[in-house]
């Protein structure tokens, strides 16, 4: 009886260790993903500022750029 309980305790300990290892990997992955999302958000903000600058530049062009869609189509179409 005692041997069975000892065997069960070892299996439980092994399962707990395995779960702790998986949790450590999951924590590391979460940290990596959080850092990636943070960097991507920074890049999005930079790109948004650049897009806003380009819009202002296009609006500053006399006549506001192309006056019709036909002018925007390349000649080979």
Foldseek 3Di string as FASTA:
>chain_A
DVVVVVVVVVVVVVVVVVVVVVVVVVVVVVVVVVVVVVVVVVVVVVVVVVVVVVCVVQCPPVVSPDPDVVVVDDPVD
